[in-house]
Amino acid sequence: MRFHLIDRIDSWQPHRCVTARKVTSVHEGHWRQTPEGPQLPLGLMLEALCQAGTWLIMLSTDHRKRAALLTVREAVSGVPVRPGDILRMEAEVVSHSEEAAVIDGRVTCEGRTVLEASGIMCALIDAEQLDDPADTARMAAQLLGSTKAAA
């Protein structure tokens, strides 16, 4: 992943769910300017949720598979995200096979929902076709810190 929107994976259960977070910064260049001040665009909140889901797939398959977004059935935004907010992404696998997965999830900030998405359909592709496996393993170790998968 070249555009990283995940700072930490807090917890995960193989093929079931993941919780991750992102600390936003005013120094990031993707803020949408509004009369109320800078706001994180809906597409980037959705991207953060999808990246959490991708990490769940990669961790669940020992980095062999990676999720590539195909479609999103529905995405609804709530309150705006401002610089300095901490986003919490929660993704849950609704169904999966060797070729595809469907994920539902939400992004929250201080307990408030900022995005809910359902029917996030992803193709599962060989991860080594996209990234160097050693780089992926290093990034996973950084994101996980001391987090272990629940049995």
N, C-alpha and C. Protein backbone atom coordinates (compact mmCIF):
# COMPACT_ATOMS: atom_id res chain seq x y z
N MET A 1 0.84 -1.17 0.00
CA MET A 1 0.00 0.00 0.00
C MET A 1 0.89 1.24 0.00
N ARG A 2 0.71 2.07 -0.95
CA ARG A 2 1.54 3.26 -1.09
C ARG A 2 0.98 4.47 -0.33
N PHE A 3 -0.31 4.51 -0.15
CA PHE A 3 -0.98 5.63 0.51
C PHE A 3 -1.55 5.09 1.81
N HIS A 4 -0.82 5.22 2.90
CA HIS A 4 -1.16 4.55 4.15
C HIS A 4 -2.10 5.39 5.01
N LEU A 5 -3.23 4.82 5.38
CA LEU A 5 -4.19 5.48 6.26
C LEU A 5 -4.44 4.67 7.52
N ILE A 6 -3.55 3.76 7.82
CA ILE A 6 -3.62 2.95 9.05
C ILE A 6 -2.31 3.17 9.80
N ASP A 7 -2.41 3.57 11.08
CA ASP A 7 -1.22 3.75 11.91
C ASP A 7 -0.97 2.54 12.81
N ARG A 8 -2.04 1.85 13.19
CA ARG A 8 -1.91 0.76 14.15
C ARG A 8 -3.08 -0.20 13.98
N ILE A 9 -2.81 -1.48 14.11
CA ILE A 9 -3.86 -2.49 14.18
C ILE A 9 -3.99 -2.85 15.65
N ASP A 10 -5.14 -2.55 16.23
CA ASP A 10 -5.34 -2.77 17.66
C ASP A 10 -5.73 -4.21 17.98
N SER A 11 -6.53 -4.82 17.11
CA SER A 11 -6.94 -6.21 17.33
C SER A 11 -7.42 -6.80 16.01
N TRP A 12 -7.37 -8.12 15.93
CA TRP A 12 -7.90 -8.80 14.76
C TRP A 12 -8.13 -10.27 15.07
N GLN A 13 -9.10 -10.83 14.38
CA GLN A 13 -9.40 -12.25 14.46
C GLN A 13 -9.42 -12.77 13.04
N PRO A 14 -8.62 -13.78 12.73
CA PRO A 14 -8.50 -14.26 11.35
C PRO A 14 -9.85 -14.50 10.67
N HIS A 15 -9.97 -13.96 9.47
CA HIS A 15 -11.16 -14.11 8.63
C HIS A 15 -12.44 -13.61 9.28
N ARG A 16 -12.35 -12.84 10.37
CA ARG A 16 -13.55 -12.37 11.06
C ARG A 16 -13.62 -10.85 11.17
N CYS A 17 -12.64 -10.23 11.86
CA CYS A 17 -12.75 -8.79 12.11
C CYS A 17 -11.39 -8.18 12.42
N VAL A 18 -11.35 -6.85 12.29
CA VAL A 18 -10.14 -6.09 12.59
C VAL A 18 -10.56 -4.74 13.15
N THR A 19 -9.75 -4.22 14.05
CA THR A 19 -9.90 -2.86 14.56
C THR A 19 -8.56 -2.18 14.38
N ALA A 20 -8.59 -1.02 13.72
CA ALA A 20 -7.37 -0.28 13.44
C ALA A 20 -7.61 1.20 13.71
N ARG A 21 -6.52 1.97 13.71
CA ARG A 21 -6.69 3.41 13.96
C ARG A 21 -5.75 4.24 13.10
N LYS A 22 -6.11 5.50 12.99
CA LYS A 22 -5.34 6.49 12.24
C LYS A 22 -5.44 7.81 12.98
N VAL A 23 -4.28 8.40 13.30
CA VAL A 23 -4.24 9.73 13.89
C VAL A 23 -4.08 10.70 12.73
N THR A 24 -5.03 11.61 12.58
CA THR A 24 -4.96 12.58 11.48
C THR A 24 -4.08 13.76 11.88
N SER A 25 -3.50 14.40 10.87
CA SER A 25 -2.61 15.53 11.11
C SER A 25 -2.93 16.66 10.15
N VAL A 26 -2.83 17.88 10.63
CA VAL A 26 -3.05 19.04 9.79
C VAL A 26 -2.01 19.12 8.68
N HIS A 27 -0.90 18.43 8.83
CA HIS A 27 0.18 18.46 7.85
C HIS A 27 -0.04 17.53 6.67
N GLU A 28 -1.07 16.68 6.73
CA GLU A 28 -1.39 15.83 5.59
C GLU A 28 -2.06 16.69 4.52
N GLY A 29 -1.77 16.40 3.26
CA GLY A 29 -2.23 17.27 2.18
C GLY A 29 -3.58 16.97 1.60
N HIS A 30 -4.39 16.15 2.24
CA HIS A 30 -5.63 15.73 1.61
C HIS A 30 -6.90 16.35 2.22
N TRP A 31 -6.77 17.37 3.02
CA TRP A 31 -7.94 17.97 3.66
C TRP A 31 -8.75 18.79 2.65
N ARG A 32 -10.05 18.64 2.74
CA ARG A 32 -10.97 19.45 1.92
C ARG A 32 -11.26 20.73 2.70
N GLN A 33 -11.04 21.86 2.08
CA GLN A 33 -11.29 23.14 2.77
C GLN A 33 -12.76 23.50 2.66
N THR A 34 -13.39 23.80 3.82
CA THR A 34 -14.80 24.20 3.88
C THR A 34 -14.89 25.47 4.72
N PRO A 35 -16.03 26.15 4.67
CA PRO A 35 -16.19 27.34 5.53
C PRO A 35 -16.05 27.03 7.02
N GLU A 36 -16.33 25.76 7.41
CA GLU A 36 -16.21 25.35 8.82
C GLU A 36 -14.80 24.90 9.17
N GLY A 37 -13.91 24.90 8.20
CA GLY A 37 -12.55 24.45 8.42
C GLY A 37 -12.25 23.18 7.64
N PRO A 38 -11.01 22.66 7.73
CA PRO A 38 -10.64 21.47 6.97
C PRO A 38 -11.41 20.24 7.43
N GLN A 39 -11.80 19.41 6.43
CA GLN A 39 -12.51 18.16 6.70
C GLN A 39 -11.90 17.05 5.86
N LEU A 40 -11.91 15.85 6.40
CA LEU A 40 -11.43 14.68 5.67
C LEU A 40 -12.51 14.25 4.68
N PRO A 41 -12.18 14.11 3.40
CA PRO A 41 -13.18 13.68 2.42
C PRO A 41 -13.71 12.28 2.70
N LEU A 42 -14.97 12.06 2.35
CA LEU A 42 -15.63 10.76 2.53
C LEU A 42 -14.81 9.64 1.89
N GLY A 43 -14.28 9.88 0.70
CA GLY A 43 -13.51 8.84 0.01
C GLY A 43 -12.30 8.38 0.78
N LEU A 44 -11.67 9.28 1.51
CA LEU A 44 -10.50 8.88 2.30
C LEU A 44 -10.89 8.14 3.57
N MET A 45 -12.04 8.47 4.14
CA MET A 45 -12.53 7.68 5.28
C MET A 45 -12.82 6.26 4.82
N LEU A 46 -13.45 6.14 3.65
CA LEU A 46 -13.74 4.82 3.08
C LEU A 46 -12.44 4.08 2.77
N GLU A 47 -11.46 4.78 2.23
CA GLU A 47 -10.17 4.16 1.94
C GLU A 47 -9.51 3.63 3.22
N ALA A 48 -9.59 4.38 4.31
CA ALA A 48 -9.02 3.91 5.58
C ALA A 48 -9.70 2.62 6.03
N LEU A 49 -11.02 2.56 5.90
CA LEU A 49 -11.75 1.34 6.26
C LEU A 49 -11.35 0.18 5.35
N CYS A 50 -11.23 0.44 4.06
CA CYS A 50 -10.83 -0.61 3.12
C CYS A 50 -9.41 -1.09 3.41
N GLN A 51 -8.52 -0.18 3.78
CA GLN A 51 -7.16 -0.60 4.12
C GLN A 51 -7.16 -1.48 5.37
N ALA A 52 -8.00 -1.18 6.33
CA ALA A 52 -8.11 -2.06 7.51
C ALA A 52 -8.57 -3.45 7.07
N GLY A 53 -9.56 -3.50 6.19
CA GLY A 53 -10.03 -4.79 5.67
C GLY A 53 -8.95 -5.52 4.89
N THR A 54 -8.16 -4.80 4.11
CA THR A 54 -7.06 -5.41 3.36
C THR A 54 -6.04 -6.02 4.31
N TRP A 55 -5.71 -5.30 5.38
CA TRP A 55 -4.77 -5.86 6.35
C TRP A 55 -5.33 -7.11 7.02
N LEU A 56 -6.63 -7.13 7.27
CA LEU A 56 -7.24 -8.33 7.84
C LEU A 56 -7.05 -9.52 6.90
N ILE A 57 -7.29 -9.30 5.62
CA ILE A 57 -7.11 -10.39 4.64
C ILE A 57 -5.64 -10.82 4.59
N MET A 58 -4.73 -9.85 4.53
CA MET A 58 -3.31 -10.21 4.46
C MET A 58 -2.85 -10.95 5.71
N LEU A 59 -3.26 -10.49 6.89
CA LEU A 59 -2.87 -11.17 8.12
C LEU A 59 -3.49 -12.56 8.21
N SER A 60 -4.74 -12.68 7.78
CA SER A 60 -5.45 -13.96 7.85
C SER A 60 -4.87 -15.00 6.91
N THR A 61 -4.21 -14.56 5.85
CA THR A 61 -3.64 -15.48 4.85
C THR A 61 -2.11 -15.52 4.92
N ASP A 62 -1.55 -15.07 6.02
CA ASP A 62 -0.10 -15.03 6.19
C ASP A 62 0.56 -14.27 5.05
N HIS A 63 -0.07 -13.15 4.66
CA HIS A 63 0.41 -12.22 3.63
C HIS A 63 0.37 -12.78 2.21
N ARG A 64 -0.33 -13.89 1.98
CA ARG A 64 -0.40 -14.48 0.64
C ARG A 64 -1.45 -13.80 -0.23
N LYS A 65 -2.53 -13.33 0.36
CA LYS A 65 -3.62 -12.70 -0.39
C LYS A 65 -3.79 -11.25 0.03
N ARG A 66 -4.31 -10.47 -0.90
CA ARG A 66 -4.58 -9.07 -0.64
C ARG A 66 -5.93 -8.73 -1.26
N ALA A 67 -6.67 -7.87 -0.60
CA ALA A 67 -7.99 -7.48 -1.09
C ALA A 67 -7.86 -6.31 -2.05
N ALA A 68 -8.52 -6.41 -3.19
CA ALA A 68 -8.58 -5.32 -4.17
C ALA A 68 -10.06 -4.93 -4.31
N LEU A 69 -10.36 -3.69 -4.03
CA LEU A 69 -11.74 -3.21 -4.01
C LEU A 69 -12.42 -3.39 -5.37
N LEU A 70 -13.62 -3.95 -5.33
CA LEU A 70 -14.44 -4.09 -6.52
C LEU A 70 -15.64 -3.14 -6.47
N THR A 71 -16.43 -3.24 -5.41
CA THR A 71 -17.63 -2.40 -5.29
C THR A 71 -17.93 -2.11 -3.82
N VAL A 72 -18.71 -1.07 -3.60
CA VAL A 72 -19.24 -0.74 -2.28
C VAL A 72 -20.74 -0.57 -2.45
N ARG A 73 -21.53 -1.36 -1.72
CA ARG A 73 -22.98 -1.26 -1.84
C ARG A 73 -23.48 0.08 -1.29
N GLU A 74 -22.99 0.46 -0.10
CA GLU A 74 -23.46 1.70 0.51
C GLU A 74 -22.40 2.26 1.44
N ALA A 75 -22.25 3.58 1.41
CA ALA A 75 -21.36 4.28 2.33
C ALA A 75 -22.06 5.57 2.74
N VAL A 76 -22.23 5.76 4.05
CA VAL A 76 -22.94 6.92 4.58
C VAL A 76 -22.03 7.62 5.59
N SER A 77 -21.87 8.93 5.41
CA SER A 77 -21.01 9.66 6.33
C SER A 77 -21.84 10.29 7.44
N GLY A 78 -21.17 10.50 8.55
CA GLY A 78 -21.80 11.13 9.71
C GLY A 78 -21.13 12.47 9.98
N VAL A 79 -20.62 12.65 11.16
CA VAL A 79 -19.99 13.91 11.55
C VAL A 79 -18.65 14.08 10.82
N PRO A 80 -18.23 15.32 10.58
CA PRO A 80 -16.96 15.55 9.88
C PRO A 80 -15.74 15.19 10.72
N VAL A 81 -14.66 14.83 10.03
CA VAL A 81 -13.37 14.55 10.66
C VAL A 81 -12.48 15.76 10.45
N ARG A 82 -11.85 16.19 11.53
CA ARG A 82 -10.98 17.38 11.53
C ARG A 82 -9.53 16.97 11.80
N PRO A 83 -8.57 17.80 11.42
CA PRO A 83 -7.17 17.50 11.75
C PRO A 83 -7.00 17.27 13.25
N GLY A 84 -6.24 16.25 13.59
CA GLY A 84 -6.01 15.90 14.99
C GLY A 84 -6.94 14.82 15.51
N ASP A 85 -8.04 14.55 14.78
CA ASP A 85 -8.96 13.49 15.21
C ASP A 85 -8.29 12.12 15.07
N ILE A 86 -8.66 11.20 15.94
CA ILE A 86 -8.19 9.82 15.87
C ILE A 86 -9.33 8.98 15.33
N LEU A 87 -9.10 8.38 14.16
CA LEU A 87 -10.11 7.53 13.55
C LEU A 87 -9.93 6.10 14.02
N ARG A 88 -11.04 5.42 14.24
CA ARG A 88 -11.04 4.01 14.62
C ARG A 88 -11.84 3.26 13.57
N MET A 89 -11.19 2.35 12.86
CA MET A 89 -11.84 1.57 11.82
C MET A 89 -12.16 0.18 12.36
N GLU A 90 -13.38 -0.25 12.17
CA GLU A 90 -13.82 -1.59 12.56
C GLU A 90 -14.41 -2.25 11.34
N ALA A 91 -13.79 -3.34 10.89
CA ALA A 91 -14.27 -4.06 9.71
C ALA A 91 -14.57 -5.50 10.09
N GLU A 92 -15.65 -6.01 9.54
CA GLU A 92 -16.08 -7.38 9.82
C GLU A 92 -16.34 -8.10 8.50
N VAL A 93 -15.80 -9.31 8.38
CA VAL A 93 -16.02 -10.11 7.18
C VAL A 93 -17.43 -10.69 7.23
N VAL A 94 -18.20 -10.40 6.19
CA VAL A 94 -19.56 -10.93 6.07
C VAL A 94 -19.51 -12.30 5.39
N SER A 95 -18.67 -12.41 4.36
CA SER A 95 -18.47 -13.69 3.68
C SER A 95 -17.12 -13.67 2.98
N HIS A 96 -16.57 -14.86 2.74
CA HIS A 96 -15.30 -14.92 2.01
C HIS A 96 -15.13 -16.29 1.39
N SER A 97 -14.36 -16.30 0.32
CA SER A 97 -13.96 -17.53 -0.37
C SER A 97 -12.49 -17.34 -0.75
N GLU A 98 -11.96 -18.23 -1.53
CA GLU A 98 -10.57 -18.07 -1.99
C GLU A 98 -10.42 -16.93 -2.97
N GLU A 99 -11.52 -16.54 -3.64
CA GLU A 99 -11.44 -15.52 -4.69
C GLU A 99 -11.96 -14.15 -4.27
N ALA A 100 -12.81 -14.08 -3.25
CA ALA A 100 -13.45 -12.80 -2.91
C ALA A 100 -13.83 -12.75 -1.44
N ALA A 101 -14.05 -11.52 -0.97
CA ALA A 101 -14.54 -11.31 0.40
C ALA A 101 -15.49 -10.12 0.37
N VAL A 102 -16.45 -10.14 1.29
CA VAL A 102 -17.37 -9.02 1.48
C VAL A 102 -17.22 -8.58 2.93
N ILE A 103 -17.05 -7.26 3.10
CA ILE A 103 -16.79 -6.69 4.42
C ILE A 103 -17.77 -5.56 4.69
N ASP A 104 -18.23 -5.46 5.91
CA ASP A 104 -19.00 -4.32 6.40
C ASP A 104 -18.16 -3.63 7.46
N GLY A 105 -18.37 -2.34 7.65
CA GLY A 105 -17.59 -1.68 8.69
C GLY A 105 -18.03 -0.27 8.98
N ARG A 106 -17.30 0.29 9.95
CA ARG A 106 -17.58 1.67 10.36
C ARG A 106 -16.29 2.34 10.77
N VAL A 107 -16.32 3.66 10.64
CA VAL A 107 -15.23 4.49 11.13
C VAL A 107 -15.84 5.39 12.19
N THR A 108 -15.19 5.44 13.36
CA THR A 108 -15.67 6.29 14.44
C THR A 108 -14.56 7.22 14.89
N CYS A 109 -14.97 8.28 15.55
CA CYS A 109 -14.04 9.25 16.13
C CYS A 109 -14.64 9.68 17.46
N GLU A 110 -13.95 9.40 18.55
CA GLU A 110 -14.43 9.72 19.89
C GLU A 110 -15.85 9.20 20.12
N GLY A 111 -16.10 7.99 19.64
CA GLY A 111 -17.40 7.34 19.84
C GLY A 111 -18.48 7.76 18.87
N ARG A 112 -18.19 8.75 18.01
CA ARG A 112 -19.18 9.21 17.03
C ARG A 112 -18.91 8.52 15.69
N THR A 113 -19.95 8.09 15.03
CA THR A 113 -19.79 7.46 13.73
C THR A 113 -19.53 8.53 12.67
N VAL A 114 -18.44 8.35 11.94
CA VAL A 114 -18.12 9.28 10.85
C VAL A 114 -18.35 8.65 9.49
N LEU A 115 -18.43 7.30 9.44
CA LEU A 115 -18.72 6.59 8.20
C LEU A 115 -19.21 5.19 8.53
N GLU A 116 -20.26 4.77 7.83
CA GLU A 116 -20.70 3.37 7.88
C GLU A 116 -20.74 2.89 6.44
N ALA A 117 -20.21 1.70 6.20
CA ALA A 117 -20.20 1.15 4.85
C ALA A 117 -20.59 -0.32 4.91
N SER A 118 -21.31 -0.74 3.90
CA SER A 118 -21.71 -2.15 3.84
C SER A 118 -21.52 -2.67 2.42
N GLY A 119 -21.37 -3.97 2.34
CA GLY A 119 -21.20 -4.61 1.04
C GLY A 119 -19.93 -4.22 0.32
N ILE A 120 -18.84 -4.10 1.06
CA ILE A 120 -17.55 -3.78 0.44
C ILE A 120 -17.02 -5.09 -0.14
N MET A 121 -17.14 -5.23 -1.47
CA MET A 121 -16.72 -6.46 -2.13
C MET A 121 -15.31 -6.30 -2.67
N CYS A 122 -14.47 -7.30 -2.36
CA CYS A 122 -13.07 -7.27 -2.76
C CYS A 122 -12.69 -8.57 -3.44
N ALA A 123 -11.90 -8.45 -4.50
CA ALA A 123 -11.27 -9.63 -5.09
C ALA A 123 -10.03 -9.94 -4.26
N LEU A 124 -9.75 -11.21 -4.06
CA LEU A 124 -8.54 -11.61 -3.33
C LEU A 124 -7.50 -12.04 -4.35
N ILE A 125 -6.40 -11.31 -4.38
CA ILE A 125 -5.36 -11.58 -5.37
C ILE A 125 -4.06 -11.94 -4.65
N ASP A 126 -3.14 -12.54 -5.40
CA ASP A 126 -1.85 -12.89 -4.82
C ASP A 126 -1.11 -11.61 -4.44
N ALA A 127 -0.79 -11.46 -3.18
CA ALA A 127 -0.18 -10.23 -2.66
C ALA A 127 1.19 -9.98 -3.27
N GLU A 128 1.94 -11.01 -3.56
CA GLU A 128 3.30 -10.81 -4.07
C GLU A 128 3.30 -10.19 -5.47
N GLN A 129 2.15 -10.19 -6.16
CA GLN A 129 2.06 -9.52 -7.46
C GLN A 129 2.08 -8.00 -7.31
N LEU A 130 1.75 -7.51 -6.12
CA LEU A 130 1.63 -6.07 -5.90
C LEU A 130 2.76 -5.48 -5.06
N ASP A 131 3.20 -6.21 -4.06
CA ASP A 131 4.20 -5.69 -3.13
C ASP A 131 5.24 -6.76 -2.84
N ASP A 132 6.41 -6.31 -2.46
CA ASP A 132 7.46 -7.20 -2.02
C ASP A 132 7.03 -7.84 -0.71
N PRO A 133 7.00 -9.17 -0.62
CA PRO A 133 6.57 -9.84 0.62
C PRO A 133 7.34 -9.40 1.85
N ALA A 134 8.63 -9.12 1.71
CA ALA A 134 9.43 -8.68 2.87
C ALA A 134 8.96 -7.31 3.35
N ASP A 135 8.64 -6.41 2.41
CA ASP A 135 8.12 -5.09 2.78
C ASP A 135 6.79 -5.21 3.50
N THR A 136 5.93 -6.10 2.99
CA THR A 136 4.62 -6.31 3.62
C THR A 136 4.78 -6.84 5.03
N ALA A 137 5.69 -7.79 5.22
CA ALA A 137 5.93 -8.36 6.56
C ALA A 137 6.44 -7.29 7.52
N ARG A 138 7.34 -6.42 7.05
CA ARG A 138 7.86 -5.35 7.91
C ARG A 138 6.75 -4.38 8.31
N MET A 139 5.93 -4.01 7.34
CA MET A 139 4.84 -3.08 7.62
C MET A 139 3.83 -3.72 8.59
N ALA A 140 3.54 -4.98 8.40
CA ALA A 140 2.62 -5.68 9.32
C ALA A 140 3.17 -5.68 10.73
N ALA A 141 4.44 -5.95 10.88
CA ALA A 141 5.06 -5.96 12.21
C ALA A 141 4.95 -4.58 12.87
N GLN A 142 5.16 -3.53 12.09
CA GLN A 142 5.04 -2.18 12.64
C GLN A 142 3.61 -1.88 13.06
N LEU A 143 2.65 -2.24 12.22
CA LEU A 143 1.25 -1.94 12.52
C LEU A 143 0.74 -2.74 13.71
N LEU A 144 1.22 -3.96 13.85
CA LEU A 144 0.74 -4.83 14.92
C LEU A 144 1.40 -4.51 16.26
N GLY A 145 2.62 -4.02 16.25
CA GLY A 145 3.31 -3.82 17.52
C GLY A 145 3.35 -5.14 18.25
N SER A 146 2.71 -5.20 19.40
CA SER A 146 2.68 -6.46 20.16
C SER A 146 1.33 -7.16 20.04
N THR A 147 0.45 -6.69 19.14
CA THR A 147 -0.88 -7.29 18.98
C THR A 147 -0.76 -8.68 18.39
N LYS A 148 -1.47 -9.60 18.97
CA LYS A 148 -1.54 -10.97 18.44
C LYS A 148 -2.97 -11.26 18.04
N ALA A 149 -3.13 -12.17 17.10
CA ALA A 149 -4.47 -12.58 16.69
C ALA A 149 -5.14 -13.35 17.81
N ALA A 150 -6.43 -13.12 17.98
CA ALA A 150 -7.20 -13.89 18.95
C ALA A 150 -7.43 -15.27 18.40
N ALA A 151 -7.42 -16.25 19.26
CA ALA A 151 -7.62 -17.64 18.81
C ALA A 151 -9.09 -17.93 18.59
